[in-house]
Amino acid sequence: MASNKIAIIIPAYNEEASIGHVIKELIVTIGNAANVIVVNDHSPDQTSRIARKAGALVLDLESNHGYAKAIEQGLAYANKELNVDYLLTMDADGQHDPISVKLLIQAMIKGDFDLIVGIRSQSARFSEWLYGKYFSRRFDIYDPLCGLKVYRASLFQEYGVFETYDSIGTELLTWALLNKRNVHQLPVNIRSRKDEPRFGSSWSANKRIFVSLLQTFGYIRRRQ
C-alpha cells in the first residue's frame, strides 16, 4: 500500500516507449513511499495501458490538455482524492533519475519546506539559461524550469491552480517566492533523452520560453 503522504504526478502524451520503464524504476527505487499517478493526456498510443500495467494509477483525460494543465489535473486529483501532504512533479521521458526523485522526497519530509526545486547541471537552451539567470538574480533560484519539483500540498491548495498563463511550470513557484514561502533547491541528475524534446524545434522552443519569461515579468509586476 502506497504512502498517503506523497503523490508523484507524471503527465504523459504518447510516452509508450518510456512510461513503463519510468514507473518500474520509481517503484524499485522508492518502494511504497509514494502514490505514482500518470496523467494520460489523451494519448492515441498505448501510454495508458502500459502505465497501468506497470503499477501506476492512471488518469485518462478525455481531451488533450497540454503539459501544464495535465499536471494541474493530477495535482487536483491527488489533493482531493488521496489527501496527500506532498505533491511531486516529474516527466515521463526517463530523464529524471529516480534516485534524485527519492532524494527530493526525503528532503521534503525531513525539512520544513513549502517547495523544493531541482537544479540541473546545465540548461538545454539559451532561453532556459536566461530564465534561470533572471530567477537567480531576482530570487536566488537557479533552475526554475526544471520539471522535477515537490510541493507542500497546502501550497497548491492555497493558490488553487498550477498556472494561469504559459509559465512553463514556474507560476506556482513564482507565487511562493513572492510570498516569502520556504523554497529549497537540490541538484538533480538528468539523463539523456532517447527521442525528440517535447518542446519541439530549437527556434520554436526558444521563442515560447522567451515569451513565457516576458509574461512572468508581467505577473511579478502585478503581484508586487
Protein backbone atom coordinates (compact mmCIF):
# COMPACT_ATOMS: atom_id res chain seq x y z
CA MET A 1 0.00 0.00 0.00
CA ALA A 2 1.50 3.33 -1.04
CA SER A 3 2.13 6.06 1.48
CA ASN A 4 -0.63 8.64 1.83
CA LYS A 5 1.97 11.36 2.29
CA ILE A 6 3.24 11.81 -1.27
CA ALA A 7 1.85 11.65 -4.79
CA ILE A 8 4.13 11.64 -7.83
CA ILE A 9 2.40 13.29 -10.79
CA ILE A 10 3.64 12.30 -14.26
CA PRO A 11 1.96 13.98 -17.26
CA ALA A 12 2.25 11.79 -20.34
CA TYR A 13 1.40 12.19 -24.00
CA ASN A 14 2.46 9.43 -26.42
CA GLU A 15 5.06 8.08 -24.00
CA GLU A 16 4.51 4.36 -24.62
CA ALA A 17 8.21 3.86 -25.30
CA SER A 18 9.35 5.11 -21.90
CA ILE A 19 6.48 5.24 -19.40
CA GLY A 20 6.59 1.59 -18.31
CA HIS A 21 10.30 1.73 -17.53
CA VAL A 22 9.92 5.08 -15.71
CA ILE A 23 7.23 3.66 -13.42
CA LYS A 24 9.05 0.41 -12.73
CA GLU A 25 12.26 2.30 -11.88
CA LEU A 26 10.34 4.54 -9.49
CA ILE A 27 8.69 1.60 -7.74
CA VAL A 28 12.02 -0.21 -7.36
CA THR A 29 13.74 2.93 -6.05
CA ILE A 30 11.13 4.37 -3.69
CA GLY A 31 9.07 1.28 -2.89
CA ASN A 32 5.79 2.24 -1.21
CA ALA A 33 6.94 5.75 -0.35
CA ALA A 34 4.55 7.43 -2.81
CA ASN A 35 1.47 7.08 -4.97
CA VAL A 36 2.52 7.16 -8.65
CA ILE A 37 -0.10 8.92 -10.81
CA VAL A 38 0.21 9.07 -14.59
CA VAL A 39 -1.99 11.70 -16.23
CA ASN A 40 -2.55 10.33 -19.71
CA ASP A 41 -3.16 13.45 -21.79
CA HIS A 42 -5.48 11.78 -24.35
CA SER A 43 -2.63 9.81 -25.96
CA PRO A 44 -3.62 7.85 -29.06
CA ASP A 45 -0.90 5.28 -28.36
CA GLN A 46 -0.59 2.67 -25.57
CA THR A 47 0.60 5.06 -22.82
CA SER A 48 -2.43 4.42 -20.60
CA ARG A 49 -2.38 0.63 -20.85
CA ILE A 50 1.38 0.36 -20.28
CA ALA A 51 1.34 2.77 -17.33
CA ARG A 52 -1.49 0.91 -15.65
CA LYS A 53 0.20 -2.45 -16.22
CA ALA A 54 3.44 -1.09 -14.72
CA GLY A 55 1.65 -0.27 -11.48
CA ALA A 56 0.62 3.39 -11.73
CA LEU A 57 -2.75 4.92 -11.02
CA VAL A 58 -3.79 6.35 -14.40
CA LEU A 59 -6.00 9.37 -15.04
CA ASP A 60 -7.24 9.28 -18.65
CA LEU A 61 -8.12 12.78 -19.86
CA GLU A 62 -10.93 12.95 -22.42
CA SER A 63 -9.17 15.63 -24.46
CA ASN A 64 -5.63 16.90 -24.83
CA HIS A 65 -4.95 19.50 -22.12
CA GLY A 66 -1.24 20.15 -22.66
CA TYR A 67 1.64 19.60 -20.26
CA ALA A 68 0.80 22.14 -17.55
CA LYS A 69 -2.95 21.51 -17.47
CA ALA A 70 -2.33 17.77 -17.32
CA ILE A 71 -0.12 18.37 -14.28
CA GLU A 72 -2.85 20.51 -12.74
CA GLN A 73 -5.39 17.71 -13.23
CA GLY A 74 -3.05 15.31 -11.44
CA LEU A 75 -2.33 17.72 -8.59
CA ALA A 76 -6.04 18.39 -8.06
CA TYR A 77 -6.89 14.69 -8.08
CA ALA A 78 -4.13 13.76 -5.62
CA ASN A 79 -5.00 16.67 -3.36
CA LYS A 80 -8.73 15.88 -3.27
CA GLU A 81 -8.92 12.10 -3.59
CA LEU A 82 -5.72 10.95 -1.88
CA ASN A 83 -5.37 13.69 0.72
CA VAL A 84 -1.57 13.67 0.48
CA ASP A 85 0.83 16.04 2.20
CA TYR A 86 3.26 16.49 -0.70
CA LEU A 87 2.99 16.62 -4.49
CA LEU A 88 5.95 15.82 -6.73
CA THR A 89 6.01 16.54 -10.46
CA MET A 90 8.31 14.81 -12.94
CA ASP A 91 8.46 13.94 -16.64
CA ALA A 92 7.56 10.72 -18.41
CA ASP A 93 10.52 10.58 -20.78
CA GLY A 94 13.01 8.94 -18.40
CA GLN A 95 15.31 11.95 -17.99
CA HIS A 96 14.56 12.39 -14.29
CA ASP A 97 16.70 9.96 -12.33
CA PRO A 98 14.59 8.09 -9.73
CA ILE A 99 17.45 8.47 -7.24
CA SER A 100 17.00 12.25 -7.49
CA VAL A 101 13.26 11.79 -7.00
CA LYS A 102 13.94 9.82 -3.83
CA LEU A 103 16.35 12.47 -2.53
CA LEU A 104 13.79 15.25 -3.08
CA ILE A 105 11.13 13.24 -1.27
CA GLN A 106 13.45 12.59 1.68
CA ALA A 107 14.47 16.26 1.87
CA MET A 108 10.84 17.40 1.78
CA ILE A 109 9.81 15.06 4.59
CA LYS A 110 12.78 15.94 6.79
CA GLY A 111 12.84 19.68 6.12
CA ASP A 112 10.33 22.42 6.83
CA PHE A 113 9.93 23.38 3.17
CA ASP A 114 6.98 24.53 1.12
CA LEU A 115 8.63 23.70 -2.19
CA ILE A 116 11.83 22.08 -3.44
CA VAL A 117 13.16 22.83 -6.93
CA GLY A 118 15.59 20.56 -8.75
CA ILE A 119 18.75 22.09 -10.19
CA ARG A 120 20.04 20.59 -13.44
CA SER A 121 23.77 20.71 -14.19
CA GLN A 122 23.16 22.70 -17.38
CA SER A 123 20.38 24.37 -19.34
CA ALA A 124 19.21 22.74 -22.55
CA ARG A 125 18.70 26.06 -24.38
CA PHE A 126 19.90 29.68 -24.23
CA SER A 127 16.38 30.83 -23.34
CA GLU A 128 16.34 28.44 -20.36
CA TRP A 129 19.71 29.82 -19.24
CA LEU A 130 18.30 33.35 -19.46
CA TYR A 131 15.19 32.33 -17.49
CA GLY A 132 17.45 30.88 -14.80
CA LYS A 133 19.72 33.92 -14.79
CA TYR A 134 16.76 36.20 -14.08
CA PHE A 135 15.44 33.96 -11.30
CA SER A 136 18.89 33.60 -9.75
CA ARG A 137 19.30 37.37 -9.54
CA ARG A 138 15.71 38.10 -8.51
CA PHE A 139 15.06 35.17 -6.14
CA ASP A 140 18.33 33.23 -5.81
CA ILE A 141 16.66 30.31 -7.61
CA TYR A 142 18.90 28.79 -10.28
CA ASP A 143 16.71 26.48 -12.37
CA PRO A 144 13.01 27.46 -12.28
CA LEU A 145 12.26 25.47 -15.45
CA CYS A 146 13.36 22.15 -14.02
CA GLY A 147 10.31 19.87 -14.19
CA LEU A 148 11.35 17.96 -11.09
CA LYS A 149 9.78 19.80 -8.16
CA VAL A 150 7.98 18.82 -4.96
CA TYR A 151 5.30 20.99 -3.35
CA ARG A 152 3.63 21.01 0.02
CA ALA A 153 0.01 20.16 -0.81
CA SER A 154 -1.26 23.11 1.22
CA LEU A 155 0.71 25.45 -1.09
CA PHE A 156 -1.22 24.20 -4.11
CA GLN A 157 -4.47 24.33 -2.13
CA GLU A 158 -3.87 27.96 -1.19
CA TYR A 159 -3.04 29.16 -4.71
CA GLY A 160 -5.67 26.94 -6.27
CA VAL A 161 -4.11 26.38 -9.71
CA PHE A 162 -0.84 25.26 -11.24
CA GLU A 163 -0.66 28.10 -13.75
CA THR A 164 -2.91 30.72 -15.34
CA TYR A 165 -0.60 31.59 -18.26
CA ASP A 166 2.10 29.66 -20.14
CA SER A 167 4.67 29.86 -17.35
CA ILE A 168 6.22 26.50 -18.35
CA GLY A 169 5.62 25.26 -14.83
CA THR A 170 7.01 28.28 -12.94
CA GLU A 171 3.92 30.23 -11.84
CA LEU A 172 3.27 28.39 -8.57
CA LEU A 173 6.99 28.67 -7.76
CA THR A 174 6.98 32.40 -8.55
CA TRP A 175 3.93 32.97 -6.35
CA ALA A 176 5.58 31.07 -3.50
CA LEU A 177 8.76 33.15 -3.82
CA LEU A 178 6.86 36.46 -3.92
CA ASN A 179 5.00 35.40 -0.78
CA LYS A 180 8.23 34.52 1.07
CA ARG A 181 7.49 30.82 1.33
CA ASN A 182 10.28 28.43 2.29
CA VAL A 183 11.71 27.33 -1.06
CA HIS A 184 14.70 25.00 -1.18
CA GLN A 185 16.89 23.74 -4.05
CA LEU A 186 18.71 20.47 -4.65
CA PRO A 187 20.92 19.30 -7.52
CA VAL A 188 19.29 16.55 -9.59
CA ASN A 189 20.63 14.14 -12.17
CA ILE A 190 19.20 14.48 -15.67
CA ARG A 191 19.73 11.61 -18.06
CA SER A 192 20.00 11.86 -21.85
CA ARG A 193 16.86 11.76 -23.98
CA LYS A 194 16.36 8.97 -26.49
CA ASP A 195 13.77 10.85 -28.54
CA GLU A 196 12.89 14.37 -29.66
CA PRO A 197 12.32 17.06 -26.96
CA ARG A 198 8.64 17.66 -26.20
CA PHE A 199 9.16 21.41 -26.81
CA GLY A 200 9.86 20.75 -30.48
CA SER A 201 12.39 22.59 -32.64
CA SER A 202 15.04 24.82 -31.13
CA TRP A 203 13.62 28.02 -32.67
CA SER A 204 10.01 27.42 -31.58
CA ALA A 205 11.09 26.25 -28.13
CA ASN A 206 13.28 29.29 -27.54
CA LYS A 207 10.50 31.60 -28.73
CA ARG A 208 7.99 30.01 -26.37
CA ILE A 209 10.37 30.25 -23.41
CA PHE A 210 11.23 33.91 -24.18
CA VAL A 211 7.51 34.76 -24.35
CA SER A 212 6.93 32.91 -21.08
CA LEU A 213 9.69 34.91 -19.40
CA LEU A 214 8.10 38.17 -20.58
CA GLN A 215 4.75 37.02 -19.19
CA THR A 216 6.45 36.16 -15.91
CA PHE A 217 7.86 39.72 -15.73
CA GLY A 218 4.28 40.98 -16.05
CA TYR A 219 2.99 38.51 -13.47
CA ILE A 220 5.61 39.65 -10.95
CA ARG A 221 4.84 43.34 -11.53
CA ARG A 222 1.12 42.73 -10.97
CA ARG A 223 1.77 40.81 -7.76
CA GLN A 224 4.15 43.29 -6.17
